Amino acid sequence: MHTSIAHTDLPAAPTFVPPLDIARAQARRTLDEANALDLDTADSCAIARHFGGVCEVLREVLAALDAEDGRRA
């Protein structure tokens, strides 16, 4: 069945591309929060949540860098 989530095409790029300075600030905040995570007491769900947050922020930063390059071209 092609209407199931398994057959849904995901967008290749984030739908929102923040300006580079905002993306950088968000990346710094996310990395600080991930560094503050106590790996001795954190459960696997908390670790996965922080890892997902870091990945999303990296996508936003890369998209912002691409957009900045496009504006300079």
N, C-alpha and C. Protein backbone atom coordinates (compact mmCIF):
# COMPACT_ATOMS: atom_id res chain seq x y z
N MET A 1 0.84 -1.17 0.00
CA MET A 1 0.00 0.00 0.00
C MET A 1 0.89 1.24 0.00
N HIS A 2 0.73 2.11 -0.97
CA HIS A 2 1.59 3.27 -1.13
C HIS A 2 1.21 4.45 -0.26
N THR A 3 0.18 4.32 0.55
CA THR A 3 -0.18 5.43 1.44
C THR A 3 0.41 5.24 2.83
N SER A 4 1.12 4.17 3.07
CA SER A 4 1.70 3.96 4.39
C SER A 4 2.92 4.86 4.56
N ILE A 5 3.35 5.00 5.81
CA ILE A 5 4.49 5.87 6.10
C ILE A 5 5.78 5.32 5.49
N ALA A 6 5.84 4.02 5.25
CA ALA A 6 7.04 3.43 4.65
C ALA A 6 7.26 3.91 3.23
N HIS A 7 6.21 4.36 2.56
CA HIS A 7 6.33 4.82 1.18
C HIS A 7 6.27 6.34 1.06
N THR A 8 6.37 7.02 2.18
CA THR A 8 6.34 8.47 2.15
C THR A 8 7.73 9.00 1.83
N ASP A 9 7.82 9.87 0.86
CA ASP A 9 9.10 10.49 0.52
C ASP A 9 9.38 11.62 1.50
N LEU A 10 10.57 11.60 2.10
CA LEU A 10 10.96 12.64 3.03
C LEU A 10 11.71 13.72 2.27
N PRO A 11 11.58 14.97 2.69
CA PRO A 11 12.31 16.03 1.99
C PRO A 11 13.81 15.84 2.19
N ALA A 12 14.57 16.18 1.17
CA ALA A 12 16.02 16.02 1.22
C ALA A 12 16.67 17.08 2.09
N ALA A 13 16.07 18.25 2.18
CA ALA A 13 16.63 19.34 2.96
C ALA A 13 15.63 19.78 4.02
N PRO A 14 16.11 20.40 5.09
CA PRO A 14 15.18 20.90 6.10
C PRO A 14 14.21 21.91 5.48
N THR A 15 13.00 21.96 6.01
CA THR A 15 12.01 22.89 5.48
C THR A 15 12.30 24.31 5.91
N PHE A 16 13.00 24.47 7.04
CA PHE A 16 13.35 25.80 7.53
C PHE A 16 14.86 25.91 7.58
N VAL A 17 15.41 26.91 6.96
CA VAL A 17 16.85 27.14 6.98
C VAL A 17 17.09 28.44 7.74
N PRO A 18 17.59 28.32 8.99
CA PRO A 18 17.81 29.54 9.76
C PRO A 18 19.03 30.29 9.23
N PRO A 19 19.11 31.59 9.50
CA PRO A 19 20.32 32.32 9.16
C PRO A 19 21.52 31.69 9.86
N LEU A 20 22.68 31.88 9.31
CA LEU A 20 23.87 31.20 9.81
C LEU A 20 24.16 31.52 11.27
N ASP A 21 24.00 32.76 11.70
CA ASP A 21 24.30 33.11 13.09
C ASP A 21 23.35 32.41 14.06
N ILE A 22 22.09 32.28 13.68
CA ILE A 22 21.12 31.57 14.53
C ILE A 22 21.44 30.08 14.56
N ALA A 23 21.79 29.52 13.42
CA ALA A 23 22.14 28.09 13.36
C ALA A 23 23.37 27.81 14.21
N ARG A 24 24.36 28.71 14.17
CA ARG A 24 25.57 28.55 15.00
C ARG A 24 25.24 28.59 16.48
N ALA A 25 24.42 29.55 16.88
CA ALA A 25 24.05 29.69 18.29
C ALA A 25 23.30 28.45 18.77
N GLN A 26 22.39 27.95 17.95
CA GLN A 26 21.64 26.74 18.30
C GLN A 26 22.58 25.55 18.41
N ALA A 27 23.56 25.46 17.52
CA ALA A 27 24.52 24.36 17.56
C ALA A 27 25.32 24.41 18.86
N ARG A 28 25.76 25.59 19.24
CA ARG A 28 26.53 25.72 20.49
C ARG A 28 25.69 25.32 21.70
N ARG A 29 24.42 25.77 21.74
CA ARG A 29 23.53 25.41 22.85
C ARG A 29 23.33 23.90 22.92
N THR A 30 23.08 23.28 21.77
CA THR A 30 22.83 21.83 21.74
C THR A 30 24.06 21.06 22.17
N LEU A 31 25.23 21.46 21.71
CA LEU A 31 26.46 20.78 22.12
C LEU A 31 26.74 20.97 23.60
N ASP A 32 26.46 22.15 24.14
CA ASP A 32 26.63 22.38 25.58
C ASP A 32 25.71 21.47 26.38
N GLU A 33 24.45 21.34 25.93
CA GLU A 33 23.51 20.46 26.62
C GLU A 33 23.96 19.00 26.53
N ALA A 34 24.46 18.60 25.38
CA ALA A 34 24.93 17.22 25.22
C ALA A 34 26.16 16.97 26.09
N ASN A 35 27.03 17.96 26.20
CA ASN A 35 28.21 17.81 27.05
C ASN A 35 27.84 17.74 28.52
N ALA A 36 26.74 18.38 28.91
CA ALA A 36 26.29 18.38 30.30
C ALA A 36 25.60 17.07 30.67
N LEU A 37 25.30 16.24 29.71
CA LEU A 37 24.61 14.97 29.96
C LEU A 37 25.54 14.03 30.74
N ASP A 38 25.07 13.54 31.85
CA ASP A 38 25.85 12.62 32.67
C ASP A 38 25.67 11.21 32.11
N LEU A 39 26.68 10.74 31.41
CA LEU A 39 26.57 9.45 30.73
C LEU A 39 26.52 8.28 31.71
N ASP A 40 26.92 8.50 32.96
CA ASP A 40 26.85 7.42 33.95
C ASP A 40 25.43 7.16 34.42
N THR A 41 24.62 8.22 34.45
CA THR A 41 23.25 8.06 34.97
C THR A 41 22.18 8.16 33.89
N ALA A 42 22.54 8.61 32.69
CA ALA A 42 21.54 8.79 31.63
C ALA A 42 21.12 7.44 31.06
N ASP A 43 19.85 7.34 30.74
CA ASP A 43 19.38 6.11 30.09
C ASP A 43 19.55 6.24 28.58
N SER A 44 19.36 5.15 27.89
CA SER A 44 19.59 5.13 26.44
C SER A 44 18.66 6.07 25.69
N CYS A 45 17.45 6.28 26.21
CA CYS A 45 16.51 7.19 25.54
C CYS A 45 17.02 8.63 25.61
N ALA A 46 17.56 9.03 26.75
CA ALA A 46 18.10 10.39 26.88
C ALA A 46 19.29 10.59 25.96
N ILE A 47 20.14 9.58 25.87
CA ILE A 47 21.30 9.67 24.99
C ILE A 47 20.85 9.77 23.53
N ALA A 48 19.88 8.95 23.16
CA ALA A 48 19.36 8.98 21.78
C ALA A 48 18.72 10.33 21.47
N ARG A 49 18.01 10.91 22.44
CA ARG A 49 17.38 12.22 22.24
C ARG A 49 18.44 13.28 21.98
N HIS A 50 19.50 13.28 22.77
CA HIS A 50 20.56 14.28 22.57
C HIS A 50 21.28 14.04 21.24
N PHE A 51 21.51 12.79 20.88
CA PHE A 51 22.14 12.49 19.60
C PHE A 51 21.28 12.99 18.45
N GLY A 52 19.97 12.76 18.53
CA GLY A 52 19.05 13.25 17.50
C GLY A 52 19.06 14.76 17.41
N GLY A 53 19.14 15.43 18.58
CA GLY A 53 19.20 16.89 18.59
C GLY A 53 20.47 17.41 17.93
N VAL A 54 21.58 16.74 18.20
CA VAL A 54 22.85 17.15 17.59
C VAL A 54 22.80 16.95 16.08
N CYS A 55 22.24 15.84 15.63
CA CYS A 55 22.13 15.59 14.19
C CYS A 55 21.26 16.64 13.51
N GLU A 56 20.14 16.98 14.13
CA GLU A 56 19.24 17.97 13.54
C GLU A 56 19.92 19.34 13.45
N VAL A 57 20.63 19.71 14.50
CA VAL A 57 21.33 20.99 14.50
C VAL A 57 22.42 21.01 13.43
N LEU A 58 23.12 19.90 13.26
CA LEU A 58 24.14 19.85 12.20
C LEU A 58 23.51 20.00 10.83
N ARG A 59 22.34 19.40 10.62
CA ARG A 59 21.64 19.57 9.34
C ARG A 59 21.31 21.05 9.12
N GLU A 60 20.82 21.72 10.18
CA GLU A 60 20.46 23.13 10.05
C GLU A 60 21.68 23.99 9.75
N VAL A 61 22.80 23.70 10.42
CA VAL A 61 24.01 24.48 10.17
C VAL A 61 24.50 24.28 8.75
N LEU A 62 24.50 23.03 8.29
CA LEU A 62 24.93 22.77 6.91
C LEU A 62 24.01 23.43 5.90
N ALA A 63 22.71 23.40 6.16
CA ALA A 63 21.76 24.06 5.26
C ALA A 63 21.98 25.57 5.27
N ALA A 64 22.27 26.14 6.45
CA ALA A 64 22.53 27.58 6.54
C ALA A 64 23.81 27.94 5.79
N LEU A 65 24.83 27.08 5.91
CA LEU A 65 26.07 27.33 5.16
C LEU A 65 25.84 27.26 3.66
N ASP A 66 25.05 26.28 3.22
CA ASP A 66 24.71 26.18 1.80
C ASP A 66 23.96 27.41 1.32
N ALA A 67 23.01 27.88 2.13
CA ALA A 67 22.25 29.07 1.76
C ALA A 67 23.15 30.29 1.71
N GLU A 68 24.09 30.40 2.66
CA GLU A 68 25.03 31.50 2.66
C GLU A 68 25.91 31.47 1.42
N ASP A 69 26.38 30.28 1.05
CA ASP A 69 27.17 30.15 -0.18
C ASP A 69 26.35 30.56 -1.39
N GLY A 70 25.07 30.18 -1.41
CA GLY A 70 24.20 30.55 -2.53
C GLY A 70 24.01 32.05 -2.63
N ARG A 71 23.92 32.72 -1.50
CA ARG A 71 23.77 34.18 -1.52
C ARG A 71 25.02 34.87 -2.01
N ARG A 72 26.18 34.28 -1.72
CA ARG A 72 27.46 34.88 -2.16
C ARG A 72 27.72 34.66 -3.64
N ALA A 73 27.13 33.62 -4.21
CA ALA A 73 27.41 33.28 -5.62
C ALA A 73 26.76 34.25 -6.57
